[in-house]
Amino acid sequence: RLLEKQRTEVQVNKTAEKEPPTPNSGVYARPLD
């Protein structure tokens, strides 16, 4: 459901000519200390 909502937001962003969010590549940053 969240993924479908995310896809809908991507379509809205494209219509509004906004940069869609980039999917995570599976490499996660170490938390800031």
PDB file of all heavy atoms in Angstrom:
ATOM      1  N   ARG A   1       0.840  -1.211   0.000  1.00  0.00           N
ATOM      2  CA  ARG A   1       0.000   0.000   0.000  1.00  0.00           C
ATOM      3  C   ARG A   1       0.869   1.253   0.000  1.00  0.00           C
ATOM      4  O   ARG A   1       0.604   2.219  -0.717  1.00  0.00           O
ATOM      5  CB  ARG A   1      -0.928  -0.001   1.220  1.00  0.00           C
ATOM      6  CG  ARG A   1      -2.090  -0.964   1.116  1.00  0.00           C
ATOM      7  CD  ARG A   1      -3.198  -0.599   2.116  1.00  0.00           C
ATOM      8  NE  ARG A   1      -2.724  -0.586   3.491  1.00  0.00           N
ATOM      9  CZ  ARG A   1      -2.737  -1.660   4.289  1.00  0.00           C
ATOM     10  NH1 ARG A   1      -3.174  -2.831   3.820  1.00  0.00           N
ATOM     11  NH2 ARG A   1      -2.299  -1.567   5.525  1.00  0.00           N
ATOM     12  N   LEU A   2       1.929   1.232   0.825  1.00  0.00           N
ATOM     13  CA  LEU A   2       2.847   2.378   0.865  1.00  0.00           C
ATOM     14  C   LEU A   2       3.555   2.554  -0.474  1.00  0.00           C
ATOM     15  O   LEU A   2       3.773   3.685  -0.933  1.00  0.00           O
ATOM     16  CB  LEU A   2       3.876   2.185   1.980  1.00  0.00           C
ATOM     17  CG  LEU A   2       3.362   2.253   3.421  1.00  0.00           C
ATOM     18  CD1 LEU A   2       4.522   2.007   4.397  1.00  0.00           C
ATOM     19  CD2 LEU A   2       2.737   3.607   3.708  1.00  0.00           C
ATOM     20  N   LEU A   3       3.908   1.442  -1.092  1.00  0.00           N
ATOM     21  CA  LEU A   3       4.596   1.502  -2.373  1.00  0.00           C
ATOM     22  C   LEU A   3       3.677   2.079  -3.448  1.00  0.00           C
ATOM     23  O   LEU A   3       4.110   2.887  -4.291  1.00  0.00           O
ATOM     24  CB  LEU A   3       5.071   0.104  -2.770  1.00  0.00           C
ATOM     25  CG  LEU A   3       6.189   0.008  -3.807  1.00  0.00           C
ATOM     26  CD1 LEU A   3       7.417   0.764  -3.347  1.00  0.00           C
ATOM     27  CD2 LEU A   3       6.548  -1.452  -4.063  1.00  0.00           C
ATOM     28  N   GLU A   4       2.422   1.683  -3.424  1.00  0.00           N
ATOM     29  CA  GLU A   4       1.459   2.221  -4.384  1.00  0.00           C
ATOM     30  C   GLU A   4       1.262   3.723  -4.173  1.00  0.00           C
ATOM     31  O   GLU A   4       1.179   4.505  -5.124  1.00  0.00           O
ATOM     32  CB  GLU A   4       0.123   1.487  -4.236  1.00  0.00           C
ATOM     33  CG  GLU A   4      -0.931   1.898  -5.247  1.00  0.00           C
ATOM     34  CD  GLU A   4      -0.484   1.658  -6.679  1.00  0.00           C
ATOM     35  OE1 GLU A   4       0.245   0.680  -6.923  1.00  0.00           O
ATOM     36  OE2 GLU A   4      -0.845   2.477  -7.554  1.00  0.00           O
ATOM     37  N   LYS A   5       1.212   4.110  -2.893  1.00  0.00           N
ATOM     38  CA  LYS A   5       1.096   5.532  -2.578  1.00  0.00           C
ATOM     39  C   LYS A   5       2.314   6.288  -3.072  1.00  0.00           C
ATOM     40  O   LYS A   5       2.216   7.402  -3.600  1.00  0.00           O
ATOM     41  CB  LYS A   5       0.939   5.703  -1.062  1.00  0.00           C
ATOM     42  CG  LYS A   5       0.779   7.146  -0.618  1.00  0.00           C
ATOM     43  CD  LYS A   5       0.641   7.219   0.901  1.00  0.00           C
ATOM     44  CE  LYS A   5       0.536   8.677   1.345  1.00  0.00           C
ATOM     45  NZ  LYS A   5       0.446   8.777   2.830  1.00  0.00           N
ATOM     46  N   GLN A   6       3.488   5.665  -2.925  1.00  0.00           N
ATOM     47  CA  GLN A   6       4.731   6.283  -3.373  1.00  0.00           C
ATOM     48  C   GLN A   6       4.728   6.456  -4.901  1.00  0.00           C
ATOM     49  O   GLN A   6       5.157   7.487  -5.417  1.00  0.00           O
ATOM     50  CB  GLN A   6       5.925   5.429  -2.926  1.00  0.00           C
ATOM     51  CG  GLN A   6       7.273   6.103  -3.048  1.00  0.00           C
ATOM     52  CD  GLN A   6       8.400   5.205  -2.546  1.00  0.00           C
ATOM     53  OE1 GLN A   6       8.916   4.364  -3.269  1.00  0.00           O
ATOM     54  NE2 GLN A   6       8.770   5.373  -1.281  1.00  0.00           N
ATOM     55  N   ARG A   7       4.223   5.431  -5.625  1.00  0.00           N
ATOM     56  CA  ARG A   7       4.150   5.520  -7.093  1.00  0.00           C
ATOM     57  C   ARG A   7       3.212   6.645  -7.517  1.00  0.00           C
ATOM     58  O   ARG A   7       3.485   7.383  -8.479  1.00  0.00           O
ATOM     59  CB  ARG A   7       3.664   4.190  -7.671  1.00  0.00           C
ATOM     60  CG  ARG A   7       4.654   3.035  -7.554  1.00  0.00           C
ATOM     61  CD  ARG A   7       4.222   1.875  -8.440  1.00  0.00           C
ATOM     62  NE  ARG A   7       5.063   0.718  -8.216  1.00  0.00           N
ATOM     63  CZ  ARG A   7       4.713  -0.322  -7.463  1.00  0.00           C
ATOM     64  NH1 ARG A   7       3.518  -0.329  -6.852  1.00  0.00           N
ATOM     65  NH2 ARG A   7       5.519  -1.348  -7.305  1.00  0.00           N
ATOM     66  N   THR A   8       2.107   6.791  -6.802  1.00  0.00           N
ATOM     67  CA  THR A   8       1.159   7.867  -7.108  1.00  0.00           C
ATOM     68  C   THR A   8       1.819   9.228  -6.931  1.00  0.00           C
ATOM     69  O   THR A   8       1.655  10.135  -7.755  1.00  0.00           O
ATOM     70  CB  THR A   8      -0.075   7.768  -6.197  1.00  0.00           C
ATOM     71  OG1 THR A   8      -0.673   6.480  -6.363  1.00  0.00           O
ATOM     72  CG2 THR A   8      -1.093   8.843  -6.530  1.00  0.00           C
ATOM     73  N   GLU A   9       2.598   9.359  -5.835  1.00  0.00           N
ATOM     74  CA  GLU A   9       3.287  10.621  -5.581  1.00  0.00           C
ATOM     75  C   GLU A   9       4.328  10.906  -6.651  1.00  0.00           C
ATOM     76  O   GLU A   9       4.545  12.058  -7.026  1.00  0.00           O
ATOM     77  CB  GLU A   9       3.935  10.579  -4.199  1.00  0.00           C
ATOM     78  CG  GLU A   9       2.938  10.594  -3.052  1.00  0.00           C
ATOM     79  CD  GLU A   9       3.603  10.430  -1.702  1.00  0.00           C
ATOM     80  OE1 GLU A   9       4.826  10.135  -1.681  1.00  0.00           O
ATOM     81  OE2 GLU A   9       2.916  10.574  -0.672  1.00  0.00           O
ATOM     82  N   VAL A  10       4.972   9.843  -7.162  1.00  0.00           N
ATOM     83  CA  VAL A  10       5.953  10.013  -8.228  1.00  0.00           C
ATOM     84  C   VAL A  10       5.271  10.559  -9.477  1.00  0.00           C
ATOM     85  O   VAL A  10       5.779  11.458 -10.146  1.00  0.00           O
ATOM     86  CB  VAL A  10       6.666   8.675  -8.537  1.00  0.00           C
ATOM     87  CG1 VAL A  10       7.460   8.787  -9.838  1.00  0.00           C
ATOM     88  CG2 VAL A  10       7.578   8.292  -7.389  1.00  0.00           C
ATOM     89  N   GLN A  11       4.075  10.018  -9.800  1.00  0.00           N
ATOM     90  CA  GLN A  11       3.341  10.495 -10.967  1.00  0.00           C
ATOM     91  C   GLN A  11       2.951  11.961 -10.796  1.00  0.00           C
ATOM     92  O   GLN A  11       3.044  12.756 -11.731  1.00  0.00           O
ATOM     93  CB  GLN A  11       2.075   9.650 -11.175  1.00  0.00           C
ATOM     94  CG  GLN A  11       2.353   8.217 -11.584  1.00  0.00           C
ATOM     95  CD  GLN A  11       3.100   8.146 -12.914  1.00  0.00           C
ATOM     96  OE1 GLN A  11       2.860   8.937 -13.832  1.00  0.00           O
ATOM     97  NE2 GLN A  11       4.014   7.190 -13.020  1.00  0.00           N
ATOM     98  N   VAL A  12       2.529  12.316  -9.584  1.00  0.00           N
ATOM     99  CA  VAL A  12       2.177  13.714  -9.299  1.00  0.00           C
ATOM    100  C   VAL A  12       3.392  14.611  -9.453  1.00  0.00           C
ATOM    101  O   VAL A  12       3.328  15.703 -10.022  1.00  0.00           O
ATOM    102  CB  VAL A  12       1.583  13.847  -7.877  1.00  0.00           C
ATOM    103  CG1 VAL A  12       1.402  15.307  -7.502  1.00  0.00           C
ATOM    104  CG2 VAL A  12       0.264  13.098  -7.789  1.00  0.00           C
ATOM    105  N   ASN A  13       4.544  14.128  -8.951  1.00  0.00           N
ATOM    106  CA  ASN A  13       5.771  14.915  -9.061  1.00  0.00           C
ATOM    107  C   ASN A  13       6.175  15.111 -10.516  1.00  0.00           C
ATOM    108  O   ASN A  13       6.649  16.173 -10.909  1.00  0.00           O
ATOM    109  CB  ASN A  13       6.906  14.231  -8.298  1.00  0.00           C
ATOM    110  CG  ASN A  13       6.728  14.335  -6.792  1.00  0.00           C
ATOM    111  OD1 ASN A  13       6.068  15.263  -6.317  1.00  0.00           O
ATOM    112  ND2 ASN A  13       7.297  13.402  -6.050  1.00  0.00           N
ATOM    113  N   LYS A  14       5.993  14.056 -11.329  1.00  0.00           N
ATOM    114  CA  LYS A  14       6.341  14.168 -12.747  1.00  0.00           C
ATOM    115  C   LYS A  14       5.444  15.181 -13.438  1.00  0.00           C
ATOM    116  O   LYS A  14       5.884  15.989 -14.263  1.00  0.00           O
ATOM    117  CB  LYS A  14       6.211  12.804 -13.417  1.00  0.00           C
ATOM    118  CG  LYS A  14       7.356  11.852 -13.142  1.00  0.00           C
ATOM    119  CD  LYS A  14       7.188  10.552 -13.911  1.00  0.00           C
ATOM    120  CE  LYS A  14       8.369   9.623 -13.668  1.00  0.00           C
ATOM    121  NZ  LYS A  14       8.213   8.335 -14.407  1.00  0.00           N
ATOM    122  N   THR A  15       4.140  15.142 -13.087  1.00  0.00           N
ATOM    123  CA  THR A  15       3.189  16.086 -13.675  1.00  0.00           C
ATOM    124  C   THR A  15       3.549  17.510 -13.289  1.00  0.00           C
ATOM    125  O   THR A  15       3.450  18.441 -14.092  1.00  0.00           O
ATOM    126  CB  THR A  15       1.761  15.766 -13.201  1.00  0.00           C
ATOM    127  OG1 THR A  15       1.457  14.414 -13.525  1.00  0.00           O
ATOM    128  CG2 THR A  15       0.754  16.697 -13.857  1.00  0.00           C
ATOM    129  N   ALA A  16       3.997  17.658 -12.041  1.00  0.00           N
ATOM    130  CA  ALA A  16       4.377  18.995 -11.555  1.00  0.00           C
ATOM    131  C   ALA A  16       5.820  19.326 -11.886  1.00  0.00           C
ATOM    132  O   ALA A  16       6.351  20.334 -11.428  1.00  0.00           O
ATOM    133  CB  ALA A  16       4.159  19.078 -10.051  1.00  0.00           C
ATOM    134  N   GLU A  17       6.482  18.444 -12.669  1.00  0.00           N
ATOM    135  CA  GLU A  17       7.866  18.621 -13.083  1.00  0.00           C
ATOM    136  C   GLU A  17       8.809  18.710 -11.893  1.00  0.00           C
ATOM    137  O   GLU A  17       9.757  19.484 -11.879  1.00  0.00           O
ATOM    138  CB  GLU A  17       8.015  19.871 -13.976  1.00  0.00           C
ATOM    139  CG  GLU A  17       7.252  19.761 -15.279  1.00  0.00           C
ATOM    140  CD  GLU A  17       7.505  20.955 -16.171  1.00  0.00           C
ATOM    141  OE1 GLU A  17       8.122  21.922 -15.697  1.00  0.00           O
ATOM    142  OE2 GLU A  17       7.081  20.923 -17.339  1.00  0.00           O
ATOM    143  N   LYS A  18       8.519  17.906 -10.880  1.00  0.00           N
ATOM    144  CA  LYS A  18       9.424  17.818  -9.731  1.00  0.00           C
ATOM    145  C   LYS A  18      10.263  16.558  -9.852  1.00  0.00           C
ATOM    146  O   LYS A  18       9.872  15.586 -10.486  1.00  0.00           O
ATOM    147  CB  LYS A  18       8.635  17.769  -8.415  1.00  0.00           C
ATOM    148  CG  LYS A  18       7.894  19.062  -8.100  1.00  0.00           C
ATOM    149  CD  LYS A  18       7.165  18.930  -6.778  1.00  0.00           C
ATOM    150  CE  LYS A  18       6.406  20.191  -6.442  1.00  0.00           C
ATOM    151  NZ  LYS A  18       5.652  20.050  -5.163  1.00  0.00           N
ATOM    152  N   GLU A  19      11.418  16.567  -9.224  1.00  0.00           N
ATOM    153  CA  GLU A  19      12.320  15.411  -9.256  1.00  0.00           C
ATOM    154  C   GLU A  19      11.763  14.304  -8.362  1.00  0.00           C
ATOM    155  O   GLU A  19      11.560  14.510  -7.167  1.00  0.00           O
ATOM    156  CB  GLU A  19      13.712  15.822  -8.770  1.00  0.00           C
ATOM    157  CG  GLU A  19      14.768  14.751  -8.940  1.00  0.00           C
ATOM    158  CD  GLU A  19      15.134  14.527 -10.407  1.00  0.00           C
ATOM    159  OE1 GLU A  19      14.948  15.457 -11.214  1.00  0.00           O
ATOM    160  OE2 GLU A  19      15.599  13.425 -10.730  1.00  0.00           O
ATOM    161  N   PRO A  20      11.463  13.127  -8.918  1.00  0.00           N
ATOM    162  CA  PRO A  20      10.932  12.040  -8.082  1.00  0.00           C
ATOM    163  C   PRO A  20      12.001  11.510  -7.134  1.00  0.00           C
ATOM    164  O   PRO A  20      13.195  11.604  -7.425  1.00  0.00           O
ATOM    165  CB  PRO A  20      10.533  10.971  -9.101  1.00  0.00           C
ATOM    166  CG  PRO A  20      11.413  11.228 -10.284  1.00  0.00           C
ATOM    167  CD  PRO A  20      11.621  12.720 -10.316  1.00  0.00           C
ATOM    168  N   PRO A  21      11.608  10.942  -5.990  1.00  0.00           N
ATOM    169  CA  PRO A  21      12.588  10.393  -5.044  1.00  0.00           C
ATOM    170  C   PRO A  21      13.318   9.202  -5.640  1.00  0.00           C
ATOM    171  O   PRO A  21      12.745   8.416  -6.384  1.00  0.00           O
ATOM    172  CB  PRO A  21      11.730   9.975  -3.836  1.00  0.00           C
ATOM    173  CG  PRO A  21      10.353   9.792  -4.395  1.00  0.00           C
ATOM    174  CD  PRO A  21      10.221  10.778  -5.514  1.00  0.00           C
ATOM    175  N   THR A  22      14.611   9.080  -5.317  1.00  0.00           N
ATOM    176  CA  THR A  22      15.430   7.980  -5.814  1.00  0.00           C
ATOM    177  C   THR A  22      15.308   6.783  -4.881  1.00  0.00           C
ATOM    178  O   THR A  22      15.505   6.923  -3.673  1.00  0.00           O
ATOM    179  CB  THR A  22      16.908   8.399  -5.904  1.00  0.00           C
ATOM    180  OG1 THR A  22      16.993   9.556  -6.723  1.00  0.00           O
ATOM    181  CG2 THR A  22      17.749   7.294  -6.502  1.00  0.00           C
ATOM    182  N   PRO A  23      14.948   5.591  -5.411  1.00  0.00           N
ATOM    183  CA  PRO A  23      14.854   4.405  -4.545  1.00  0.00           C
ATOM    184  C   PRO A  23      16.194   4.101  -3.898  1.00  0.00           C
ATOM    185  O   PRO A  23      17.247   4.322  -4.494  1.00  0.00           O
ATOM    186  CB  PRO A  23      14.447   3.285  -5.515  1.00  0.00           C
ATOM    187  CG  PRO A  23      13.874   3.993  -6.714  1.00  0.00           C
ATOM    188  CD  PRO A  23      14.613   5.294  -6.804  1.00  0.00           C
ATOM    189  N   ASN A  24      16.144   3.583  -2.668  1.00  0.00           N
ATOM    190  CA  ASN A  24      17.370   3.221  -1.958  1.00  0.00           C
ATOM    191  C   ASN A  24      18.063   2.069  -2.677  1.00  0.00           C
ATOM    192  O   ASN A  24      17.421   1.123  -3.114  1.00  0.00           O
ATOM    193  CB  ASN A  24      17.028   2.815  -0.517  1.00  0.00           C
ATOM    194  CG  ASN A  24      18.239   2.815   0.383  1.00  0.00           C
ATOM    195  OD1 ASN A  24      19.227   2.161   0.098  1.00  0.00           O
ATOM    196  ND2 ASN A  24      18.150   3.554   1.478  1.00  0.00           N
ATOM    197  N   SER A  25      19.369   2.164  -2.793  1.00  0.00           N
ATOM    198  CA  SER A  25      20.133   1.153  -3.526  1.00  0.00           C
ATOM    199  C   SER A  25      20.442  -0.077  -2.686  1.00  0.00           C
ATOM    200  O   SER A  25      21.016  -1.034  -3.174  1.00  0.00           O
ATOM    201  CB  SER A  25      21.456   1.754  -4.003  1.00  0.00           C
ATOM    202  OG  SER A  25      22.255   2.123  -2.891  1.00  0.00           O
ATOM    203  N   GLY A  26      20.072  -0.059  -1.410  1.00  0.00           N
ATOM    204  CA  GLY A  26      20.402  -1.183  -0.523  1.00  0.00           C
ATOM    205  C   GLY A  26      21.676  -0.950   0.264  1.00  0.00           C
ATOM    206  O   GLY A  26      22.066  -1.751   1.083  1.00  0.00           O
ATOM    207  N   VAL A  27      22.347   0.182   0.015  1.00  0.00           N
ATOM    208  CA  VAL A  27      23.527   0.558   0.788  1.00  0.00           C
ATOM    209  C   VAL A  27      23.095   1.642   1.760  1.00  0.00           C
ATOM    210  O   VAL A  27      22.634   2.704   1.355  1.00  0.00           O
ATOM    211  CB  VAL A  27      24.652   1.077  -0.124  1.00  0.00           C
ATOM    212  CG1 VAL A  27      25.853   1.496   0.714  1.00  0.00           C
ATOM    213  CG2 VAL A  27      25.044   0.016  -1.141  1.00  0.00           C
ATOM    214  N   TYR A  28      23.234   1.369   3.042  1.00  0.00           N
ATOM    215  CA  TYR A  28      22.695   2.264   4.064  1.00  0.00           C
ATOM    216  C   TYR A  28      23.824   2.996   4.780  1.00  0.00           C
ATOM    217  O   TYR A  28      24.842   2.407   5.121  1.00  0.00           O
ATOM    218  CB  TYR A  28      21.843   1.473   5.053  1.00  0.00           C
ATOM    219  CG  TYR A  28      20.809   0.628   4.347  1.00  0.00           C
ATOM    220  CD1 TYR A  28      21.029  -0.727   4.130  1.00  0.00           C
ATOM    221  CD2 TYR A  28      19.654   1.204   3.860  1.00  0.00           C
ATOM    222  CE1 TYR A  28      20.099  -1.500   3.457  1.00  0.00           C
ATOM    223  CE2 TYR A  28      18.714   0.445   3.184  1.00  0.00           C
ATOM    224  CZ  TYR A  28      18.943  -0.908   2.978  1.00  0.00           C
ATOM    225  OH  TYR A  28      18.029  -1.660   2.305  1.00  0.00           O
ATOM    226  N   ALA A  29      23.609   4.266   4.995  1.00  0.00           N
ATOM    227  CA  ALA A  29      24.639   5.098   5.619  1.00  0.00           C
ATOM    228  C   ALA A  29      24.700   4.836   7.111  1.00  0.00           C
ATOM    229  O   ALA A  29      23.687   4.563   7.753  1.00  0.00           O
ATOM    230  CB  ALA A  29      24.351   6.570   5.362  1.00  0.00           C
ATOM    231  N   ARG A  30      25.901   4.918   7.635  1.00  0.00           N
ATOM    232  CA  ARG A  30      26.091   4.790   9.076  1.00  0.00           C
ATOM    233  C   ARG A  30      25.469   6.001   9.759  1.00  0.00           C
ATOM    234  O   ARG A  30      25.612   7.129   9.288  1.00  0.00           O
ATOM    235  CB  ARG A  30      27.579   4.717   9.367  1.00  0.00           C
ATOM    236  CG  ARG A  30      27.928   4.631  10.847  1.00  0.00           C
ATOM    237  CD  ARG A  30      29.436   4.598  11.001  1.00  0.00           C
ATOM    238  NE  ARG A  30      29.850   4.790  12.367  1.00  0.00           N
ATOM    239  CZ  ARG A  30      31.100   4.982  12.740  1.00  0.00           C
ATOM    240  NH1 ARG A  30      32.045   5.001  11.832  1.00  0.00           N
ATOM    241  NH2 ARG A  30      31.420   5.144  14.004  1.00  0.00           N
ATOM    242  N   PRO A  31      24.732   5.808  10.853  1.00  0.00           N
ATOM    243  CA  PRO A  31      24.102   6.939  11.531  1.00  0.00           C
ATOM    244  C   PRO A  31      25.136   7.961  12.000  1.00  0.00           C
ATOM    245  O   PRO A  31      26.268   7.616  12.342  1.00  0.00           O
ATOM    246  CB  PRO A  31      23.405   6.300  12.730  1.00  0.00           C
ATOM    247  CG  PRO A  31      23.610   4.851  12.631  1.00  0.00           C
ATOM    248  CD  PRO A  31      24.536   4.544  11.524  1.00  0.00           C
ATOM    249  N   LEU A  32      24.727   9.217  12.015  1.00  0.00           N
ATOM    250  CA  LEU A  32      25.628  10.282  12.458  1.00  0.00           C
ATOM    251  C   LEU A  32      25.862  10.157  13.956  1.00  0.00           C
ATOM    252  O   LEU A  32      24.927   9.954  14.733  1.00  0.00           O
ATOM    253  CB  LEU A  32      25.029  11.655  12.141  1.00  0.00           C
ATOM    254  CG  LEU A  32      24.874  11.978  10.647  1.00  0.00           C
ATOM    255  CD1 LEU A  32      24.153  13.311  10.485  1.00  0.00           C
ATOM    256  CD2 LEU A  32      26.228  12.030   9.967  1.00  0.00           C
ATOM    257  N   ASP A  33      27.100  10.274  14.379  1.00  0.00           N
ATOM    258  CA  ASP A  33      27.429  10.221  15.798  1.00  0.00           C
ATOM    259  C   ASP A  33      27.343  11.613  16.394  1.00  0.00           C
ATOM    260  O   ASP A  33      27.402  12.620  15.700  1.00  0.00           O
ATOM    261  CB  ASP A  33      28.836   9.645  16.010  1.00  0.00           C
ATOM    262  CG  ASP A  33      28.845   8.136  15.833  1.00  0.00           C
ATOM    263  OD1 ASP A  33      28.437   7.434  16.755  1.00  0.00           O
ATOM    264  OD2 ASP A  33      29.250   7.688  14.750  1.00  0.00           O
TER     265      ASP A  33
END
